Amino acid sequence: MQDDLCNKVMKVDRNIRFAGIVNEKGEVIEGGFQQGIKPLLSERMEQEMYVQSLVNVITLREMNDRLGALKYSLSEHEKVILLTFPLEKGILCISASQKANALKIRDKVAAIIKDPSKRSQKKV
């Protein structure tokens, strides 16, 4: 179950605000915000951000033959850190507070995604 992936990601670091799987249509199909966390964006702006993250991954994957496979994408803002991981279909989006160690989160999440025994994710 995909929720399992999002739940495991949420446990990686207490500074993770959001973990969600976005399908190929740009829709969040699993996951959500940590309990007690309020989104910084309106629902419409959040949706736009997920679609843009998906487009970024698709665009970067077009360069895989020259650059190698895309592992993740990271963007740092004044208020949050955003990490995006390509999945077989869709993407995993993570939002964390500025207090988070983005590289530590990256490494732990990459290990969860890479090792199916650490999660039970059905294909999106």
C-alpha atoms as a PDB file:
ATOM      1  CA  MET A   1       0.000   0.000   0.000  1.00  0.00           C
ATOM      2  CA  GLN A   2       1.381   3.411  -0.973  1.00  0.00           C
ATOM      3  CA  ASP A   3       0.307   5.028   2.271  1.00  0.00           C
ATOM      4  CA  ASP A   4       2.955   2.822   3.811  1.00  0.00           C
ATOM      5  CA  LEU A   5       5.627   4.675   1.821  1.00  0.00           C
ATOM      6  CA  CYS A   6       4.336   8.077   2.940  1.00  0.00           C
ATOM      7  CA  ASN A   7       4.069   6.935   6.567  1.00  0.00           C
ATOM      8  CA  LYS A   8       7.658   5.685   6.525  1.00  0.00           C
ATOM      9  CA  VAL A   9       8.853   8.919   4.962  1.00  0.00           C
ATOM     10  CA  MET A  10       7.049  10.961   7.632  1.00  0.00           C
ATOM     11  CA  LYS A  11       8.969   9.033  10.307  1.00  0.00           C
ATOM     12  CA  VAL A  12      12.357   9.821   8.738  1.00  0.00           C
ATOM     13  CA  ASP A  13      12.560  13.288  10.309  1.00  0.00           C
ATOM     14  CA  ARG A  14      10.237  15.187  12.645  1.00  0.00           C
ATOM     15  CA  ASN A  15      10.742  18.295  10.491  1.00  0.00           C
ATOM     16  CA  ILE A  16       8.954  16.749   7.506  1.00  0.00           C
ATOM     17  CA  ARG A  17       5.740  18.676   6.963  1.00  0.00           C
ATOM     18  CA  PHE A  18       4.266  16.744   4.037  1.00  0.00           C
ATOM     19  CA  ALA A  19       4.835  13.533   2.110  1.00  0.00           C
ATOM     20  CA  GLY A  20       2.615  12.594  -0.796  1.00  0.00           C
ATOM     21  CA  ILE A  21       2.542  10.553  -3.956  1.00  0.00           C
ATOM     22  CA  VAL A  22       1.501  12.514  -7.021  1.00  0.00           C
ATOM     23  CA  ASN A  23       0.204  10.501  -9.965  1.00  0.00           C
ATOM     24  CA  GLU A  24       0.839  11.169 -13.652  1.00  0.00           C
ATOM     25  CA  LYS A  25      -2.136  13.559 -13.721  1.00  0.00           C
ATOM     26  CA  GLY A  26      -0.636  15.756 -10.990  1.00  0.00           C
ATOM     27  CA  GLU A  27      -3.074  14.542  -8.325  1.00  0.00           C
ATOM     28  CA  VAL A  28      -2.015  13.665  -4.783  1.00  0.00           C
ATOM     29  CA  ILE A  29      -3.262  10.107  -4.412  1.00  0.00           C
ATOM     30  CA  GLU A  30      -1.651   9.161  -1.090  1.00  0.00           C
ATOM     31  CA  GLY A  31      -0.146  10.866   1.926  1.00  0.00           C
ATOM     32  CA  GLY A  32      -0.671  14.322   3.330  1.00  0.00           C
ATOM     33  CA  PHE A  33       0.486  16.746   5.986  1.00  0.00           C
ATOM     34  CA  GLN A  34       1.819  15.835   9.411  1.00  0.00           C
ATOM     35  CA  GLN A  35      -0.815  16.168  12.084  1.00  0.00           C
ATOM     36  CA  GLY A  36      -1.052  19.785  13.241  1.00  0.00           C
ATOM     37  CA  ILE A  37       0.764  21.226  10.207  1.00  0.00           C
ATOM     38  CA  LYS A  38      -1.042  23.854   8.177  1.00  0.00           C
ATOM     39  CA  PRO A  39      -0.258  24.253   4.471  1.00  0.00           C
ATOM     40  CA  LEU A  40       1.562  27.433   3.454  1.00  0.00           C
ATOM     41  CA  LEU A  41      -0.191  27.504   0.070  1.00  0.00           C
ATOM     42  CA  SER A  42      -3.825  27.583  -0.944  1.00  0.00           C
ATOM     43  CA  GLU A  43      -5.245  24.329  -2.291  1.00  0.00           C
ATOM     44  CA  ARG A  44      -5.074  25.698  -5.846  1.00  0.00           C
ATOM     45  CA  MET A  45      -1.438  26.805  -5.449  1.00  0.00           C
ATOM     46  CA  GLU A  46      -0.515  23.445  -3.924  1.00  0.00           C
ATOM     47  CA  GLN A  47      -2.017  21.678  -6.937  1.00  0.00           C
ATOM     48  CA  GLU A  48      -0.030  23.938  -9.275  1.00  0.00           C
ATOM     49  CA  MET A  49       3.154  23.135  -7.361  1.00  0.00           C
ATOM     50  CA  TYR A  50       2.556  19.367  -7.682  1.00  0.00           C
ATOM     51  CA  VAL A  51       1.908  19.673 -11.407  1.00  0.00           C
ATOM     52  CA  GLN A  52       5.059  21.783 -11.820  1.00  0.00           C
ATOM     53  CA  SER A  53       7.089  19.236  -9.830  1.00  0.00           C
ATOM     54  CA  LEU A  54       5.783  16.486 -12.086  1.00  0.00           C
ATOM     55  CA  VAL A  55       6.633  18.491 -15.224  1.00  0.00           C
ATOM     56  CA  ASN A  56      10.144  19.127 -13.848  1.00  0.00           C
ATOM     57  CA  VAL A  57      10.727  15.411 -13.308  1.00  0.00           C
ATOM     58  CA  ILE A  58       9.405  14.542 -16.773  1.00  0.00           C
ATOM     59  CA  THR A  59      11.642  17.207 -18.333  1.00  0.00           C
ATOM     60  CA  LEU A  60      14.732  16.120 -16.413  1.00  0.00           C
ATOM     61  CA  ARG A  61      14.092  12.464 -17.294  1.00  0.00           C
ATOM     62  CA  GLU A  62      14.357  13.420 -20.970  1.00  0.00           C
ATOM     63  CA  MET A  63      18.069  13.992 -20.299  1.00  0.00           C
ATOM     64  CA  ASN A  64      18.636  10.599 -18.626  1.00  0.00           C
ATOM     65  CA  ASP A  65      20.514   9.227 -21.643  1.00  0.00           C
ATOM     66  CA  ARG A  66      23.122  12.005 -21.324  1.00  0.00           C
ATOM     67  CA  LEU A  67      23.148  12.717 -17.582  1.00  0.00           C
ATOM     68  CA  GLY A  68      22.125   9.382 -16.112  1.00  0.00           C
ATOM     69  CA  ALA A  69      18.919   8.568 -14.281  1.00  0.00           C
ATOM     70  CA  LEU A  70      17.327  11.314 -12.211  1.00  0.00           C
ATOM     71  CA  LYS A  71      17.552  10.413  -8.524  1.00  0.00           C
ATOM     72  CA  TYR A  72      15.804  13.384  -6.911  1.00  0.00           C
ATOM     73  CA  SER A  73      15.239  17.109  -7.149  1.00  0.00           C
ATOM     74  CA  LEU A  74      15.760  19.588  -4.309  1.00  0.00           C
ATOM     75  CA  SER A  75      14.665  23.176  -3.961  1.00  0.00           C
ATOM     76  CA  GLU A  76      15.238  25.310  -0.902  1.00  0.00           C
ATOM     77  CA  HIS A  77      13.033  28.255  -0.046  1.00  0.00           C
ATOM     78  CA  GLU A  78      13.174  30.628   2.921  1.00  0.00           C
ATOM     79  CA  LYS A  79      10.399  28.747   4.706  1.00  0.00           C
ATOM     80  CA  VAL A  80      10.594  25.172   3.392  1.00  0.00           C
ATOM     81  CA  ILE A  81      12.728  22.592   1.656  1.00  0.00           C
ATOM     82  CA  LEU A  82      11.074  20.631  -1.151  1.00  0.00           C
ATOM     83  CA  LEU A  83      12.322  17.250  -2.330  1.00  0.00           C
ATOM     84  CA  THR A  84      10.908  15.350  -5.283  1.00  0.00           C
ATOM     85  CA  PHE A  85      11.708  11.723  -6.051  1.00  0.00           C
ATOM     86  CA  PRO A  86      10.692  10.054  -9.322  1.00  0.00           C
ATOM     87  CA  LEU A  87       8.751   6.824  -8.892  1.00  0.00           C
ATOM     88  CA  GLU A  88       8.009   4.225 -11.532  1.00  0.00           C
ATOM     89  CA  LYS A  89       4.847   6.179 -12.251  1.00  0.00           C
ATOM     90  CA  GLY A  90       4.395   9.588 -10.685  1.00  0.00           C
ATOM     91  CA  ILE A  91       6.520  11.244  -8.026  1.00  0.00           C
ATOM     92  CA  LEU A  92       7.006  11.416  -4.268  1.00  0.00           C
ATOM     93  CA  CYS A  93       6.851  15.002  -2.988  1.00  0.00           C
ATOM     94  CA  ILE A  94       8.238  15.954   0.409  1.00  0.00           C
ATOM     95  CA  SER A  95       8.107  19.297   2.188  1.00  0.00           C
ATOM     96  CA  ALA A  96      10.236  19.931   5.273  1.00  0.00           C
ATOM     97  CA  SER A  97      10.911  22.886   7.523  1.00  0.00           C
ATOM     98  CA  GLN A  98      14.166  24.814   7.206  1.00  0.00           C
ATOM     99  CA  LYS A  99      15.370  23.076  10.402  1.00  0.00           C
ATOM    100  CA  ALA A 100      15.541  19.771   8.524  1.00  0.00           C
ATOM    101  CA  ASN A 101      18.741  18.254   7.184  1.00  0.00           C
ATOM    102  CA  ALA A 102      17.780  17.867   3.522  1.00  0.00           C
ATOM    103  CA  LEU A 103      20.648  15.544   2.645  1.00  0.00           C
ATOM    104  CA  LYS A 104      19.903  13.233   5.556  1.00  0.00           C
ATOM    105  CA  ILE A 105      16.249  13.086   4.486  1.00  0.00           C
ATOM    106  CA  ARG A 106      17.337  12.494   0.882  1.00  0.00           C
ATOM    107  CA  ASP A 107      19.531   9.566   1.825  1.00  0.00           C
ATOM    108  CA  LYS A 108      16.952   7.906   4.071  1.00  0.00           C
ATOM    109  CA  VAL A 109      14.088   8.346   1.611  1.00  0.00           C
ATOM    110  CA  ALA A 110      16.226   7.081  -1.290  1.00  0.00           C
ATOM    111  CA  ALA A 111      16.990   3.949   0.744  1.00  0.00           C
ATOM    112  CA  ILE A 112      13.277   3.410   1.446  1.00  0.00           C
ATOM    113  CA  ILE A 113      12.388   3.808  -2.227  1.00  0.00           C
ATOM    114  CA  LYS A 114      15.249   1.588  -3.398  1.00  0.00           C
ATOM    115  CA  ASP A 115      14.627  -1.307  -0.999  1.00  0.00           C
ATOM    116  CA  PRO A 116      11.124  -2.754  -1.440  1.00  0.00           C
ATOM    117  CA  SER A 117      11.472  -4.681   1.837  1.00  0.00           C
ATOM    118  CA  LYS A 118      11.463  -1.332   3.675  1.00  0.00           C
ATOM    119  CA  ARG A 119       8.077  -0.465   2.232  1.00  0.00           C
ATOM    120  CA  SER A 120       5.155  -2.046   0.492  1.00  0.00           C
ATOM    121  CA  GLN A 121       4.261   0.266  -2.343  1.00  0.00           C
ATOM    122  CA  LYS A 122       1.912  -0.743  -5.112  1.00  0.00           C
ATOM    123  CA  LYS A 123       2.509   0.862  -8.486  1.00  0.00           C
ATOM    124  CA  VAL A 124       0.841   4.223  -9.119  1.00  0.00           C
END
